[in-house]
Amino acid sequence: MAGEGRRGVEVIKAEVPAWLAEKFRRYVAERYGLRRGAISRAIVDLIKRELAIAEAEPSDTADSIVGLGLLSDYLWEGEDLVEALRRRSLDVPDRR
């Protein structure tokens, strides 16, 4: 069985739709290459990324947003915050 003899490794089996599996294999090949273990590495990376988002406590998230605001040189003047952040992240000049 795969993973026997390796400590701290667990085999997880899951059924996914064929179209999704094919799309995932293409994603892995493009991003991780065709080497042995690429699919496992991709799954581990995706799980880590998702759990980091899911495990973040609301106060941690709010603190990090406030911290980014304090570190920024942006001066908020009461405009729609979502639009201001979107413009800032895309580095698009204000169209007004």
PDB file of N, CA and C in Angstrom:
ATOM      1  N   MET A   1       0.848  -1.184   0.000  1.00  0.00           N
ATOM      2  CA  MET A   1       0.000   0.000   0.000  1.00  0.00           C
ATOM      3  C   MET A   1       0.886   1.238   0.000  1.00  0.00           C
ATOM      4  N   ALA A   2       0.472   2.256  -0.710  1.00  0.00           N
ATOM      5  CA  ALA A   2       1.239   3.489  -0.784  1.00  0.00           C
ATOM      6  C   ALA A   2       1.353   4.110   0.590  1.00  0.00           C
ATOM      7  N   GLY A   3       2.549   4.589   0.905  1.00  0.00           N
ATOM      8  CA  GLY A   3       2.737   5.263   2.174  1.00  0.00           C
ATOM      9  C   GLY A   3       3.167   4.348   3.304  1.00  0.00           C
ATOM     10  N   GLU A   4       3.221   3.029   3.075  1.00  0.00           N
ATOM     11  CA  GLU A   4       3.647   2.123   4.126  1.00  0.00           C
ATOM     12  C   GLU A   4       5.119   2.362   4.410  1.00  0.00           C
ATOM     13  N   GLY A   5       5.463   2.399   5.677  1.00  0.00           N
ATOM     14  CA  GLY A   5       6.845   2.592   6.051  1.00  0.00           C
ATOM     15  C   GLY A   5       7.225   4.065   6.184  1.00  0.00           C
ATOM     16  N   ARG A   6       6.406   4.958   5.725  1.00  0.00           N
ATOM     17  CA  ARG A   6       6.695   6.386   5.873  1.00  0.00           C
ATOM     18  C   ARG A   6       5.916   6.896   7.072  1.00  0.00           C
ATOM     19  N   ARG A   7       6.608   7.518   7.993  1.00  0.00           N
ATOM     20  CA  ARG A   7       5.954   8.014   9.201  1.00  0.00           C
ATOM     21  C   ARG A   7       5.246   9.328   8.913  1.00  0.00           C
ATOM     22  N   GLY A   8       4.100   9.498   9.536  1.00  0.00           N
ATOM     23  CA  GLY A   8       3.370  10.746   9.421  1.00  0.00           C
ATOM     24  C   GLY A   8       2.662  10.944   8.097  1.00  0.00           C
ATOM     25  N   VAL A   9       2.508   9.878   7.341  1.00  0.00           N
ATOM     26  CA  VAL A   9       1.823   9.974   6.051  1.00  0.00           C
ATOM     27  C   VAL A   9       0.574   9.118   6.115  1.00  0.00           C
ATOM     28  N   GLU A  10      -0.518   9.660   5.629  1.00  0.00           N
ATOM     29  CA  GLU A  10      -1.772   8.922   5.612  1.00  0.00           C
ATOM     30  C   GLU A  10      -2.351   8.954   4.207  1.00  0.00           C
ATOM     31  N   VAL A  11      -2.904   7.840   3.795  1.00  0.00           N
ATOM     32  CA  VAL A  11      -3.552   7.756   2.490  1.00  0.00           C
ATOM     33  C   VAL A  11      -5.021   8.119   2.667  1.00  0.00           C
ATOM     34  N   ILE A  12      -5.469   9.080   1.877  1.00  0.00           N
ATOM     35  CA  ILE A  12      -6.872   9.491   1.892  1.00  0.00           C
ATOM     36  C   ILE A  12      -7.439   9.199   0.513  1.00  0.00           C
ATOM     37  N   LYS A  13      -8.503   8.427   0.472  1.00  0.00           N
ATOM     38  CA  LYS A  13      -9.139   8.109  -0.808  1.00  0.00           C
ATOM     39  C   LYS A  13     -10.449   8.872  -0.902  1.00  0.00           C
ATOM     40  N   ALA A  14     -10.695   9.449  -2.067  1.00  0.00           N
ATOM     41  CA  ALA A  14     -11.935  10.196  -2.279  1.00  0.00           C
ATOM     42  C   ALA A  14     -12.390  10.003  -3.713  1.00  0.00           C
ATOM     43  N   GLU A  15     -13.687   9.957  -3.897  1.00  0.00           N
ATOM     44  CA  GLU A  15     -14.245   9.867  -5.244  1.00  0.00           C
ATOM     45  C   GLU A  15     -14.623  11.264  -5.701  1.00  0.00           C
ATOM     46  N   VAL A  16     -14.184  11.603  -6.914  1.00  0.00           N
ATOM     47  CA  VAL A  16     -14.519  12.903  -7.502  1.00  0.00           C
ATOM     48  C   VAL A  16     -15.045  12.669  -8.912  1.00  0.00           C
ATOM     49  N   PRO A  17     -15.826  13.591  -9.441  1.00  0.00           N
ATOM     50  CA  PRO A  17     -16.315  13.433 -10.813  1.00  0.00           C
ATOM     51  C   PRO A  17     -15.143  13.337 -11.799  1.00  0.00           C
ATOM     52  N   ALA A  18     -15.323  12.549 -12.846  1.00  0.00           N
ATOM     53  CA  ALA A  18     -14.259  12.325 -13.828  1.00  0.00           C
ATOM     54  C   ALA A  18     -13.784  13.631 -14.451  1.00  0.00           C
ATOM     55  N   TRP A  19     -14.708  14.537 -14.775  1.00  0.00           N
ATOM     56  CA  TRP A  19     -14.311  15.802 -15.397  1.00  0.00           C
ATOM     57  C   TRP A  19     -13.430  16.626 -14.466  1.00  0.00           C
ATOM     58  N   LEU A  20     -13.714  16.568 -13.154  1.00  0.00           N
ATOM     59  CA  LEU A  20     -12.930  17.317 -12.183  1.00  0.00           C
ATOM     60  C   LEU A  20     -11.544  16.698 -12.015  1.00  0.00           C
ATOM     61  N   ALA A  21     -11.491  15.371 -12.001  1.00  0.00           N
ATOM     62  CA  ALA A  21     -10.206  14.684 -11.888  1.00  0.00           C
ATOM     63  C   ALA A  21      -9.307  15.024 -13.076  1.00  0.00           C
ATOM     64  N   GLU A  22      -9.877  15.031 -14.273  1.00  0.00           N
ATOM     65  CA  GLU A  22      -9.098  15.357 -15.472  1.00  0.00           C
ATOM     66  C   GLU A  22      -8.601  16.792 -15.423  1.00  0.00           C
ATOM     67  N   LYS A  23      -9.459  17.694 -15.016  1.00  0.00           N
ATOM     68  CA  LYS A  23      -9.076  19.106 -14.911  1.00  0.00           C
ATOM     69  C   LYS A  23      -7.977  19.281 -13.861  1.00  0.00           C
ATOM     70  N   PHE A  24      -8.101  18.557 -12.742  1.00  0.00           N
ATOM     71  CA  PHE A  24      -7.093  18.631 -11.688  1.00  0.00           C
ATOM     72  C   PHE A  24      -5.756  18.073 -12.165  1.00  0.00           C
ATOM     73  N   ARG A  25      -5.787  16.961 -12.904  1.00  0.00           N
ATOM     74  CA  ARG A  25      -4.539  16.395 -13.432  1.00  0.00           C
ATOM     75  C   ARG A  25      -3.828  17.384 -14.358  1.00  0.00           C
ATOM     76  N   ARG A  26      -4.593  18.074 -15.195  1.00  0.00           N
ATOM     77  CA  ARG A  26      -3.994  19.092 -16.078  1.00  0.00           C
ATOM     78  C   ARG A  26      -3.380  20.223 -15.258  1.00  0.00           C
ATOM     79  N   TYR A  27      -4.116  20.667 -14.240  1.00  0.00           N
ATOM     80  CA  TYR A  27      -3.626  21.724 -13.354  1.00  0.00           C
ATOM     81  C   TYR A  27      -2.306  21.302 -12.706  1.00  0.00           C
ATOM     82  N   VAL A  28      -2.276  20.079 -12.186  1.00  0.00           N
ATOM     83  CA  VAL A  28      -1.074  19.578 -11.521  1.00  0.00           C
ATOM     84  C   VAL A  28       0.082  19.488 -12.510  1.00  0.00           C
ATOM     85  N   ALA A  29      -0.154  18.972 -13.701  1.00  0.00           N
ATOM     86  CA  ALA A  29       0.901  18.843 -14.703  1.00  0.00           C
ATOM     87  C   ALA A  29       1.479  20.207 -15.068  1.00  0.00           C
ATOM     88  N   GLU A  30       0.612  21.201 -15.223  1.00  0.00           N
ATOM     89  CA  GLU A  30       1.087  22.535 -15.583  1.00  0.00           C
ATOM     90  C   GLU A  30       1.821  23.212 -14.436  1.00  0.00           C
ATOM     91  N   ARG A  31       1.325  23.037 -13.244  1.00  0.00           N
ATOM     92  CA  ARG A  31       1.870  23.764 -12.096  1.00  0.00           C
ATOM     93  C   ARG A  31       3.002  23.020 -11.390  1.00  0.00           C
ATOM     94  N   TYR A  32       2.908  21.694 -11.302  1.00  0.00           N
ATOM     95  CA  TYR A  32       3.873  20.907 -10.536  1.00  0.00           C
ATOM     96  C   TYR A  32       4.737  20.003 -11.412  1.00  0.00           C
ATOM     97  N   GLY A  33       4.375  19.862 -12.659  1.00  0.00           N
ATOM     98  CA  GLY A  33       5.123  18.983 -13.545  1.00  0.00           C
ATOM     99  C   GLY A  33       4.588  17.565 -13.507  1.00  0.00           C
ATOM    100  N   LEU A  34       5.285  16.684 -14.209  1.00  0.00           N
ATOM    101  CA  LEU A  34       4.831  15.297 -14.334  1.00  0.00           C
ATOM    102  C   LEU A  34       5.609  14.343 -13.430  1.00  0.00           C
ATOM    103  N   ARG A  35       6.329  14.891 -12.479  1.00  0.00           N
ATOM    104  CA  ARG A  35       7.137  14.051 -11.596  1.00  0.00           C
ATOM    105  C   ARG A  35       6.272  13.234 -10.638  1.00  0.00           C
ATOM    106  N   ARG A  36       6.873  12.170 -10.137  1.00  0.00           N
ATOM    107  CA  ARG A  36       6.190  11.320  -9.165  1.00  0.00           C
ATOM    108  C   ARG A  36       5.882  12.125  -7.902  1.00  0.00           C
ATOM    109  N   GLY A  37       4.680  11.991  -7.406  1.00  0.00           N
ATOM    110  CA  GLY A  37       4.277  12.678  -6.186  1.00  0.00           C
ATOM    111  C   GLY A  37       3.701  14.066  -6.415  1.00  0.00           C
ATOM    112  N   ALA A  38       3.604  14.487  -7.676  1.00  0.00           N
ATOM    113  CA  ALA A  38       3.105  15.834  -7.967  1.00  0.00           C
ATOM    114  C   ALA A  38       1.654  16.004  -7.513  1.00  0.00           C
ATOM    115  N   ILE A  39       0.831  15.003  -7.744  1.00  0.00           N
ATOM    116  CA  ILE A  39      -0.576  15.103  -7.337  1.00  0.00           C
ATOM    117  C   ILE A  39      -0.678  15.198  -5.814  1.00  0.00           C
ATOM    118  N   SER A  40       0.104  14.408  -5.108  1.00  0.00           N
ATOM    119  CA  SER A  40       0.085  14.470  -3.644  1.00  0.00           C
ATOM    120  C   SER A  40       0.521  15.843  -3.150  1.00  0.00           C
ATOM    121  N   ARG A  41       1.588  16.388  -3.736  1.00  0.00           N
ATOM    122  CA  ARG A  41       2.049  17.718  -3.332  1.00  0.00           C
ATOM    123  C   ARG A  41       0.978  18.776  -3.596  1.00  0.00           C
ATOM    124  N   ALA A  42       0.314  18.671  -4.744  1.00  0.00           N
ATOM    125  CA  ALA A  42      -0.735  19.637  -5.085  1.00  0.00           C
ATOM    126  C   ALA A  42      -1.888  19.553  -4.094  1.00  0.00           C
ATOM    127  N   ILE A  43      -2.291  18.345  -3.748  1.00  0.00           N
ATOM    128  CA  ILE A  43      -3.394  18.171  -2.797  1.00  0.00           C
ATOM    129  C   ILE A  43      -3.008  18.721  -1.427  1.00  0.00           C
ATOM    130  N   VAL A  44      -1.791  18.435  -0.976  1.00  0.00           N
ATOM    131  CA  VAL A  44      -1.331  18.949   0.316  1.00  0.00           C
ATOM    132  C   VAL A  44      -1.336  20.476   0.307  1.00  0.00           C
ATOM    133  N   ASP A  45      -0.825  21.080  -0.770  1.00  0.00           N
ATOM    134  CA  ASP A  45      -0.810  22.544  -0.863  1.00  0.00           C
ATOM    135  C   ASP A  45      -2.217  23.124  -0.829  1.00  0.00           C
ATOM    136  N   LEU A  46      -3.143  22.504  -1.567  1.00  0.00           N
ATOM    137  CA  LEU A  46      -4.524  22.998  -1.587  1.00  0.00           C
ATOM    138  C   LEU A  46      -5.197  22.854  -0.223  1.00  0.00           C
ATOM    139  N   ILE A  47      -4.981  21.726   0.436  1.00  0.00           N
ATOM    140  CA  ILE A  47      -5.575  21.519   1.763  1.00  0.00           C
ATOM    141  C   ILE A  47      -5.005  22.527   2.757  1.00  0.00           C
ATOM    142  N   LYS A  48      -3.685  22.721   2.739  1.00  0.00           N
ATOM    143  CA  LYS A  48      -3.069  23.693   3.649  1.00  0.00           C
ATOM    144  C   LYS A  48      -3.632  25.088   3.423  1.00  0.00           C
ATOM    145  N   ARG A  49      -3.753  25.459   2.163  1.00  0.00           N
ATOM    146  CA  ARG A  49      -4.267  26.793   1.843  1.00  0.00           C
ATOM    147  C   ARG A  49      -5.715  26.945   2.320  1.00  0.00           C
ATOM    148  N   GLU A  50      -6.541  25.947   2.069  1.00  0.00           N
ATOM    149  CA  GLU A  50      -7.947  26.021   2.482  1.00  0.00           C
ATOM    150  C   GLU A  50      -8.097  26.019   3.995  1.00  0.00           C
ATOM    151  N   LEU A  51      -7.345  25.187   4.685  1.00  0.00           N
ATOM    152  CA  LEU A  51      -7.467  25.124   6.138  1.00  0.00           C
ATOM    153  C   LEU A  51      -6.940  26.382   6.798  1.00  0.00           C
ATOM    154  N   ALA A  52      -5.941  26.992   6.231  1.00  0.00           N
ATOM    155  CA  ALA A  52      -5.426  28.241   6.793  1.00  0.00           C
ATOM    156  C   ALA A  52      -6.504  29.313   6.728  1.00  0.00           C
ATOM    157  N   ILE A  53      -7.275  29.333   5.651  1.00  0.00           N
ATOM    158  CA  ILE A  53      -8.365  30.297   5.514  1.00  0.00           C
ATOM    159  C   ILE A  53      -9.486  29.933   6.475  1.00  0.00           C
ATOM    160  N   ALA A  54      -9.845  28.659   6.529  1.00  0.00           N
ATOM    161  CA  ALA A  54     -10.966  28.221   7.356  1.00  0.00           C
ATOM    162  C   ALA A  54     -10.651  28.328   8.844  1.00  0.00           C
ATOM    163  N   GLU A  55      -9.394  28.174   9.229  1.00  0.00           N
ATOM    164  CA  GLU A  55      -9.034  28.183  10.638  1.00  0.00           C
ATOM    165  C   GLU A  55      -8.754  29.578  11.178  1.00  0.00           C
ATOM    166  N   ALA A  56      -8.668  30.575  10.316  1.00  0.00           N
ATOM    167  CA  ALA A  56      -8.406  31.930  10.784  1.00  0.00           C
ATOM    168  C   ALA A  56      -9.595  32.416  11.611  1.00  0.00           C
ATOM    169  N   GLU A  57      -9.297  32.896  12.792  1.00  0.00           N
ATOM    170  CA  GLU A  57     -10.359  33.411  13.649  1.00  0.00           C
ATOM    171  C   GLU A  57     -10.748  34.802  13.168  1.00  0.00           C
ATOM    172  N   PRO A  58     -12.008  35.163  13.333  1.00  0.00           N
ATOM    173  CA  PRO A  58     -12.451  36.486  12.884  1.00  0.00           C
ATOM    174  C   PRO A  58     -11.602  37.628  13.429  1.00  0.00           C
ATOM    175  N   SER A  59     -11.195  37.555  14.705  1.00  0.00           N
ATOM    176  CA  SER A  59     -10.386  38.636  15.267  1.00  0.00           C
ATOM    177  C   SER A  59      -9.023  38.700  14.592  1.00  0.00           C
ATOM    178  N   ASP A  60      -8.450  37.530  14.258  1.00  0.00           N
ATOM    179  CA  ASP A  60      -7.176  37.517  13.550  1.00  0.00           C
ATOM    180  C   ASP A  60      -7.332  38.158  12.181  1.00  0.00           C
ATOM    181  N   THR A  61      -8.421  37.842  11.508  1.00  0.00           N
ATOM    182  CA  THR A  61      -8.661  38.399  10.184  1.00  0.00           C
ATOM    183  C   THR A  61      -8.836  39.910  10.268  1.00  0.00           C
ATOM    184  N   ALA A  62      -9.639  40.383  11.192  1.00  0.00           N
ATOM    185  CA  ALA A  62      -9.856  41.822  11.344  1.00  0.00           C
ATOM    186  C   ALA A  62      -8.558  42.520  11.725  1.00  0.00           C
ATOM    187  N   ASP A  63      -7.792  41.923  12.632  1.00  0.00           N
ATOM    188  CA  ASP A  63      -6.517  42.515  13.031  1.00  0.00           C
ATOM    189  C   ASP A  63      -5.562  42.627  11.857  1.00  0.00           C
ATOM    190  N   SER A  64      -5.540  41.599  11.015  1.00  0.00           N
ATOM    191  CA  SER A  64      -4.627  41.646   9.875  1.00  0.00           C
ATOM    192  C   SER A  64      -5.059  42.705   8.869  1.00  0.00           C
ATOM    193  N   ILE A  65      -6.371  42.884   8.688  1.00  0.00           N
ATOM    194  CA  ILE A  65      -6.863  43.919   7.773  1.00  0.00           C
ATOM    195  C   ILE A  65      -6.521  45.304   8.315  1.00  0.00           C
ATOM    196  N   VAL A  66      -6.747  45.514   9.600  1.00  0.00           N
ATOM    197  CA  VAL A  66      -6.419  46.803  10.207  1.00  0.00           C
ATOM    198  C   VAL A  66      -4.920  47.053  10.118  1.00  0.00           C
ATOM    199  N   GLY A  67      -4.142  46.011  10.360  1.00  0.00           N
ATOM    200  CA  GLY A  67      -2.690  46.150  10.261  1.00  0.00           C
ATOM    201  C   GLY A  67      -2.243  46.558   8.873  1.00  0.00           C
ATOM    202  N   LEU A  68      -2.841  45.967   7.855  1.00  0.00           N
ATOM    203  CA  LEU A  68      -2.511  46.351   6.482  1.00  0.00           C
ATOM    204  C   LEU A  68      -2.869  47.807   6.236  1.00  0.00           C
ATOM    205  N   GLY A  69      -4.014  48.223   6.757  1.00  0.00           N
ATOM    206  CA  GLY A  69      -4.421  49.615   6.591  1.00  0.00           C
ATOM    207  C   GLY A  69      -3.452  50.575   7.253  1.00  0.00           C
ATOM    208  N   LEU A  70      -2.965  50.212   8.432  1.00  0.00           N
ATOM    209  CA  LEU A  70      -2.028  51.079   9.133  1.00  0.00           C
ATOM    210  C   LEU A  70      -0.676  51.148   8.434  1.00  0.00           C
ATOM    211  N   LEU A  71      -0.283  50.062   7.787  1.00  0.00           N
ATOM    212  CA  LEU A  71       0.991  50.041   7.070  1.00  0.00           C
ATOM    213  C   LEU A  71       0.907  50.738   5.717  1.00  0.00           C
ATOM    214  N   SER A  72      -0.292  50.926   5.219  1.00  0.00           N
ATOM    215  CA  SER A  72      -0.497  51.496   3.891  1.00  0.00           C
ATOM    216  C   SER A  72      -0.345  53.012   3.913  1.00  0.00           C
ATOM    217  N   ASP A  73       0.040  53.560   2.767  1.00  0.00           N
ATOM    218  CA  ASP A  73       0.118  55.013   2.636  1.00  0.00           C
ATOM    219  C   ASP A  73      -1.189  55.585   2.084  1.00  0.00           C
ATOM    220  N   TYR A  74      -2.206  54.748   1.975  1.00  0.00           N
ATOM    221  CA  TYR A  74      -3.486  55.162   1.406  1.00  0.00           C
ATOM    222  C   TYR A  74      -4.257  56.018   2.409  1.00  0.00           C
ATOM    223  N   LEU A  75      -4.807  57.126   1.948  1.00  0.00           N
ATOM    224  CA  LEU A  75      -5.623  57.990   2.787  1.00  0.00           C
ATOM    225  C   LEU A  75      -7.077  57.815   2.392  1.00  0.00           C
ATOM    226  N   TRP A  76      -7.851  57.185   3.257  1.00  0.00           N
ATOM    227  CA  TRP A  76      -9.257  56.921   2.966  1.00  0.00           C
ATOM    228  C   TRP A  76     -10.054  58.183   3.207  1.00  0.00           C
ATOM    229  N   GLU A  77     -10.874  58.581   2.241  1.00  0.00           N
ATOM    230  CA  GLU A  77     -11.639  59.821   2.330  1.00  0.00           C
ATOM    231  C   GLU A  77     -13.142  59.557   2.298  1.00  0.00           C
ATOM    232  N   GLY A  78     -13.575  58.417   2.795  1.00  0.00           N
ATOM    233  CA  GLY A  78     -14.986  58.118   2.919  1.00  0.00           C
ATOM    234  C   GLY A  78     -15.619  57.469   1.703  1.00  0.00           C
ATOM    235  N   GLU A  79     -14.836  57.197   0.655  1.00  0.00           N
ATOM    236  CA  GLU A  79     -15.396  56.542  -0.519  1.00  0.00           C
ATOM    237  C   GLU A  79     -15.716  55.087  -0.195  1.00  0.00           C
ATOM    238  N   ASP A  80     -16.379  54.411  -1.103  1.00  0.00           N
ATOM    239  CA  ASP A  80     -16.721  53.004  -0.917  1.00  0.00           C
ATOM    240  C   ASP A  80     -15.433  52.222  -0.688  1.00  0.00           C
ATOM    241  N   LEU A  81     -15.334  51.577   0.456  1.00  0.00           N
ATOM    242  CA  LEU A  81     -14.102  50.894   0.832  1.00  0.00           C
ATOM    243  C   LEU A  81     -13.764  49.749  -0.108  1.00  0.00           C
ATOM    244  N   VAL A  82     -14.770  48.999  -0.541  1.00  0.00           N
ATOM    245  CA  VAL A  82     -14.524  47.875  -1.452  1.00  0.00           C
ATOM    246  C   VAL A  82     -13.924  48.377  -2.758  1.00  0.00           C
ATOM    247  N   GLU A  83     -14.506  49.444  -3.316  1.00  0.00           N
ATOM    248  CA  GLU A  83     -13.973  50.002  -4.565  1.00  0.00           C
ATOM    249  C   GLU A  83     -12.574  50.565  -4.369  1.00  0.00           C
ATOM    250  N   ALA A  84     -12.357  51.226  -3.246  1.00  0.00           N
ATOM    251  CA  ALA A  84     -11.037  51.796  -2.971  1.00  0.00           C
ATOM    252  C   ALA A  84      -9.986  50.699  -2.892  1.00  0.00           C
ATOM    253  N   LEU A  85     -10.307  49.616  -2.202  1.00  0.00           N
ATOM    254  CA  LEU A  85      -9.358  48.509  -2.088  1.00  0.00           C
ATOM    255  C   LEU A  85      -9.152  47.816  -3.422  1.00  0.00           C
ATOM    256  N   ARG A  86     -10.216  47.676  -4.200  1.00  0.00           N
ATOM    257  CA  ARG A  86     -10.089  47.043  -5.510  1.00  0.00           C
ATOM    258  C   ARG A  86      -9.170  47.875  -6.407  1.00  0.00           C
ATOM    259  N   ARG A  87      -9.383  49.190  -6.450  1.00  0.00           N
ATOM    260  CA  ARG A  87      -8.519  50.066  -7.249  1.00  0.00           C
ATOM    261  C   ARG A  87      -7.082  49.967  -6.776  1.00  0.00           C
ATOM    262  N   ARG A  88      -6.928  49.946  -5.457  1.00  0.00           N
ATOM    263  CA  ARG A  88      -5.588  49.892  -4.871  1.00  0.00           C
ATOM    264  C   ARG A  88      -4.892  48.586  -5.248  1.00  0.00           C
ATOM    265  N   SER A  89      -5.622  47.472  -5.179  1.00  0.00           N
ATOM    266  CA  SER A  89      -5.010  46.177  -5.466  1.00  0.00           C
ATOM    267  C   SER A  89      -4.708  46.021  -6.947  1.00  0.00           C
ATOM    268  N   LEU A  90      -5.510  46.626  -7.789  1.00  0.00           N
ATOM    269  CA  LEU A  90      -5.280  46.539  -9.233  1.00  0.00           C
ATOM    270  C   LEU A  90      -4.380  47.659  -9.728  1.00  0.00           C
ATOM    271  N   ASP A  91      -4.074  48.601  -8.842  1.00  0.00           N
ATOM    272  CA  ASP A  91      -3.241  49.746  -9.185  1.00  0.00           C
ATOM    273  C   ASP A  91      -3.829  50.540 -10.342  1.00  0.00           C
ATOM    274  N   VAL A  92      -5.167  50.669 -10.334  1.00  0.00           N
ATOM    275  CA  VAL A  92      -5.883  51.404 -11.375  1.00  0.00           C
ATOM    276  C   VAL A  92      -6.148  52.806 -10.857  1.00  0.00           C
ATOM    277  N   PRO A  93      -5.826  53.837 -11.637  1.00  0.00           N
ATOM    278  CA  PRO A  93      -6.086  55.199 -11.169  1.00  0.00           C
ATOM    279  C   PRO A  93      -7.579  55.468 -11.037  1.00  0.00           C
ATOM    280  N   ASP A  94      -7.922  56.379 -10.160  1.00  0.00           N
ATOM    281  CA  ASP A  94      -9.315  56.766  -9.949  1.00  0.00           C
ATOM    282  C   ASP A  94      -9.866  57.373 -11.227  1.00  0.00           C
ATOM    283  N   ARG A  95     -11.080  56.961 -11.635  1.00  0.00           N
ATOM    284  CA  ARG A  95     -11.664  57.414 -12.898  1.00  0.00           C
ATOM    285  C   ARG A  95     -12.576  58.616 -12.718  1.00  0.00           C
ATOM    286  N   ARG A  96     -12.666  59.156 -11.524  1.00  0.00           N
ATOM    287  CA  ARG A  96     -13.558  60.300 -11.302  1.00  0.00           C
ATOM    288  C   ARG A  96     -13.005  61.556 -11.884  1.00  0.00           C
TER     289      ARG A  96
END
